[in-house]
Amino acid sequence: MVGKFHFVGLAAICWAIWKTRNSICFDKKMIRSPIEIICLASSFISFWAELQAEEDKKVLEDGGAALKMAALSFHPKEARADDTGLVLLH
């Protein structure tokens, strides 16, 4: 069963992709990893949680934190010496 929280998560992912796309296209900023998009989505979920009813707020805050922790578990702790921070998209 799809609940309202799934739609908030989906909206956060879509919004994070859109904001990252605009940043790349218009501001000429690059991202180092797709994990940055997931972390941005988790920040949207945390922000939007503040706008929800008290009983829904905790669920969204926990979901955003879990998403961020899962994404960061895949992120290297330190960049390699030859990492220049550029990501080329084709």
C-alpha atoms as a PDB file:
ATOM      1  CA  MET A   1       0.000   0.000   0.000  1.00  0.00           C
ATOM      2  CA  VAL A   2       1.326   3.400  -0.953  1.00  0.00           C
ATOM      3  CA  GLY A   3       0.914   5.979   1.781  1.00  0.00           C
ATOM      4  CA  LYS A   4       1.246   9.730   1.796  1.00  0.00           C
ATOM      5  CA  PHE A   5       4.828   9.439   3.027  1.00  0.00           C
ATOM      6  CA  HIS A   6       5.840   7.628  -0.153  1.00  0.00           C
ATOM      7  CA  PHE A   7       4.621  10.592  -2.172  1.00  0.00           C
ATOM      8  CA  VAL A   8       6.666  13.007  -0.057  1.00  0.00           C
ATOM      9  CA  GLY A   9       9.765  10.857  -0.636  1.00  0.00           C
ATOM     10  CA  LEU A  10       9.102  10.655  -4.372  1.00  0.00           C
ATOM     11  CA  ALA A  11       8.531  14.410  -4.550  1.00  0.00           C
ATOM     12  CA  ALA A  12      11.795  15.003  -2.671  1.00  0.00           C
ATOM     13  CA  ILE A  13      13.752  12.781  -5.092  1.00  0.00           C
ATOM     14  CA  CYS A  14      12.193  14.480  -8.133  1.00  0.00           C
ATOM     15  CA  TRP A  15      12.803  17.951  -6.705  1.00  0.00           C
ATOM     16  CA  ALA A  16      16.415  17.105  -5.845  1.00  0.00           C
ATOM     17  CA  ILE A  17      17.041  15.812  -9.386  1.00  0.00           C
ATOM     18  CA  TRP A  18      15.452  18.940 -10.870  1.00  0.00           C
ATOM     19  CA  LYS A  19      17.424  21.322  -8.638  1.00  0.00           C
ATOM     20  CA  THR A  20      20.670  19.476  -9.410  1.00  0.00           C
ATOM     21  CA  ARG A  21      19.917  19.550 -13.132  1.00  0.00           C
ATOM     22  CA  ASN A  22      19.327  23.319 -12.967  1.00  0.00           C
ATOM     23  CA  SER A  23      22.530  23.802 -10.999  1.00  0.00           C
ATOM     24  CA  ILE A  24      24.508  21.871 -13.617  1.00  0.00           C
ATOM     25  CA  CYS A  25      22.846  23.469 -16.656  1.00  0.00           C
ATOM     26  CA  PHE A  26      22.558  27.078 -15.555  1.00  0.00           C
ATOM     27  CA  ASP A  27      25.137  27.590 -12.815  1.00  0.00           C
ATOM     28  CA  LYS A  28      27.747  25.292 -14.410  1.00  0.00           C
ATOM     29  CA  LYS A  29      28.237  23.500 -11.075  1.00  0.00           C
ATOM     30  CA  MET A  30      29.258  19.871 -11.057  1.00  0.00           C
ATOM     31  CA  ILE A  31      28.498  17.176  -8.563  1.00  0.00           C
ATOM     32  CA  ARG A  32      31.022  14.619  -7.359  1.00  0.00           C
ATOM     33  CA  SER A  33      28.568  11.815  -6.802  1.00  0.00           C
ATOM     34  CA  PRO A  34      24.882  10.974  -7.266  1.00  0.00           C
ATOM     35  CA  ILE A  35      24.848  10.569  -3.494  1.00  0.00           C
ATOM     36  CA  GLU A  36      24.709  14.367  -3.322  1.00  0.00           C
ATOM     37  CA  ILE A  37      21.261  14.185  -4.933  1.00  0.00           C
ATOM     38  CA  ILE A  38      20.059  11.706  -2.315  1.00  0.00           C
ATOM     39  CA  CYS A  39      21.409  13.890   0.496  1.00  0.00           C
ATOM     40  CA  LEU A  40      19.631  16.888  -1.025  1.00  0.00           C
ATOM     41  CA  ALA A  41      16.408  14.866  -1.163  1.00  0.00           C
ATOM     42  CA  SER A  42      16.793  13.944   2.503  1.00  0.00           C
ATOM     43  CA  SER A  43      17.178  17.618   3.379  1.00  0.00           C
ATOM     44  CA  PHE A  44      13.941  18.399   1.500  1.00  0.00           C
ATOM     45  CA  ILE A  45      12.158  15.654   3.463  1.00  0.00           C
ATOM     46  CA  SER A  46      13.472  17.072   6.738  1.00  0.00           C
ATOM     47  CA  PHE A  47      12.432  20.587   5.754  1.00  0.00           C
ATOM     48  CA  TRP A  48       8.966  19.498   4.629  1.00  0.00           C
ATOM     49  CA  ALA A  49       8.522  17.499   7.842  1.00  0.00           C
ATOM     50  CA  GLU A  50       8.378  20.800   9.716  1.00  0.00           C
ATOM     51  CA  LEU A  51       5.281  21.725   7.695  1.00  0.00           C
ATOM     52  CA  GLN A  52       3.345  18.580   8.639  1.00  0.00           C
ATOM     53  CA  ALA A  53       1.010  17.723  11.477  1.00  0.00           C
ATOM     54  CA  GLU A  54       2.787  16.621  14.646  1.00  0.00           C
ATOM     55  CA  GLU A  55       1.959  12.916  14.191  1.00  0.00           C
ATOM     56  CA  ASP A  56       3.355  12.921  10.631  1.00  0.00           C
ATOM     57  CA  LYS A  57       6.398  15.050  11.427  1.00  0.00           C
ATOM     58  CA  LYS A  58       8.291  12.338  13.333  1.00  0.00           C
ATOM     59  CA  VAL A  59       7.764   9.746  10.586  1.00  0.00           C
ATOM     60  CA  LEU A  60       9.137  12.086   7.921  1.00  0.00           C
ATOM     61  CA  GLU A  61      12.076  13.208  10.062  1.00  0.00           C
ATOM     62  CA  ASP A  62      13.016   9.574  10.722  1.00  0.00           C
ATOM     63  CA  GLY A  63      12.641   8.702   7.034  1.00  0.00           C
ATOM     64  CA  GLY A  64      14.803  11.625   5.931  1.00  0.00           C
ATOM     65  CA  ALA A  65      17.486  10.721   8.463  1.00  0.00           C
ATOM     66  CA  ALA A  66      17.447   7.052   7.388  1.00  0.00           C
ATOM     67  CA  LEU A  67      17.746   8.040   3.723  1.00  0.00           C
ATOM     68  CA  LYS A  68      20.703  10.293   4.489  1.00  0.00           C
ATOM     69  CA  MET A  69      22.474   7.660   6.592  1.00  0.00           C
ATOM     70  CA  ALA A  70      21.990   5.028   3.880  1.00  0.00           C
ATOM     71  CA  ALA A  71      23.351   7.367   1.190  1.00  0.00           C
ATOM     72  CA  LEU A  72      26.346   8.406   3.266  1.00  0.00           C
ATOM     73  CA  SER A  73      27.237   4.786   3.958  1.00  0.00           C
ATOM     74  CA  PHE A  74      28.094   4.503   0.237  1.00  0.00           C
ATOM     75  CA  HIS A  75      30.059   7.746   0.140  1.00  0.00           C
ATOM     76  CA  PRO A  76      33.850   7.508   0.501  1.00  0.00           C
ATOM     77  CA  LYS A  77      35.118   9.136   3.672  1.00  0.00           C
ATOM     78  CA  GLU A  78      38.032  10.818   1.926  1.00  0.00           C
ATOM     79  CA  ALA A  79      38.585  11.781  -1.675  1.00  0.00           C
ATOM     80  CA  ARG A  80      41.388  10.145  -3.595  1.00  0.00           C
ATOM     81  CA  ALA A  81      44.487  12.281  -4.188  1.00  0.00           C
ATOM     82  CA  ASP A  82      43.780  12.410  -7.937  1.00  0.00           C
ATOM     83  CA  ASP A  83      40.113  13.424  -7.468  1.00  0.00           C
ATOM     84  CA  THR A  84      39.635  16.841  -9.024  1.00  0.00           C
ATOM     85  CA  GLY A  85      35.956  17.004  -8.201  1.00  0.00           C
ATOM     86  CA  LEU A  86      34.759  16.963 -11.799  1.00  0.00           C
ATOM     87  CA  VAL A  87      31.941  14.754 -13.040  1.00  0.00           C
ATOM     88  CA  LEU A  88      31.460  14.543 -16.779  1.00  0.00           C
ATOM     89  CA  LEU A  89      27.928  13.846 -17.941  1.00  0.00           C
ATOM     90  CA  HIS A  90      27.267  12.598 -21.444  1.00  0.00           C
END
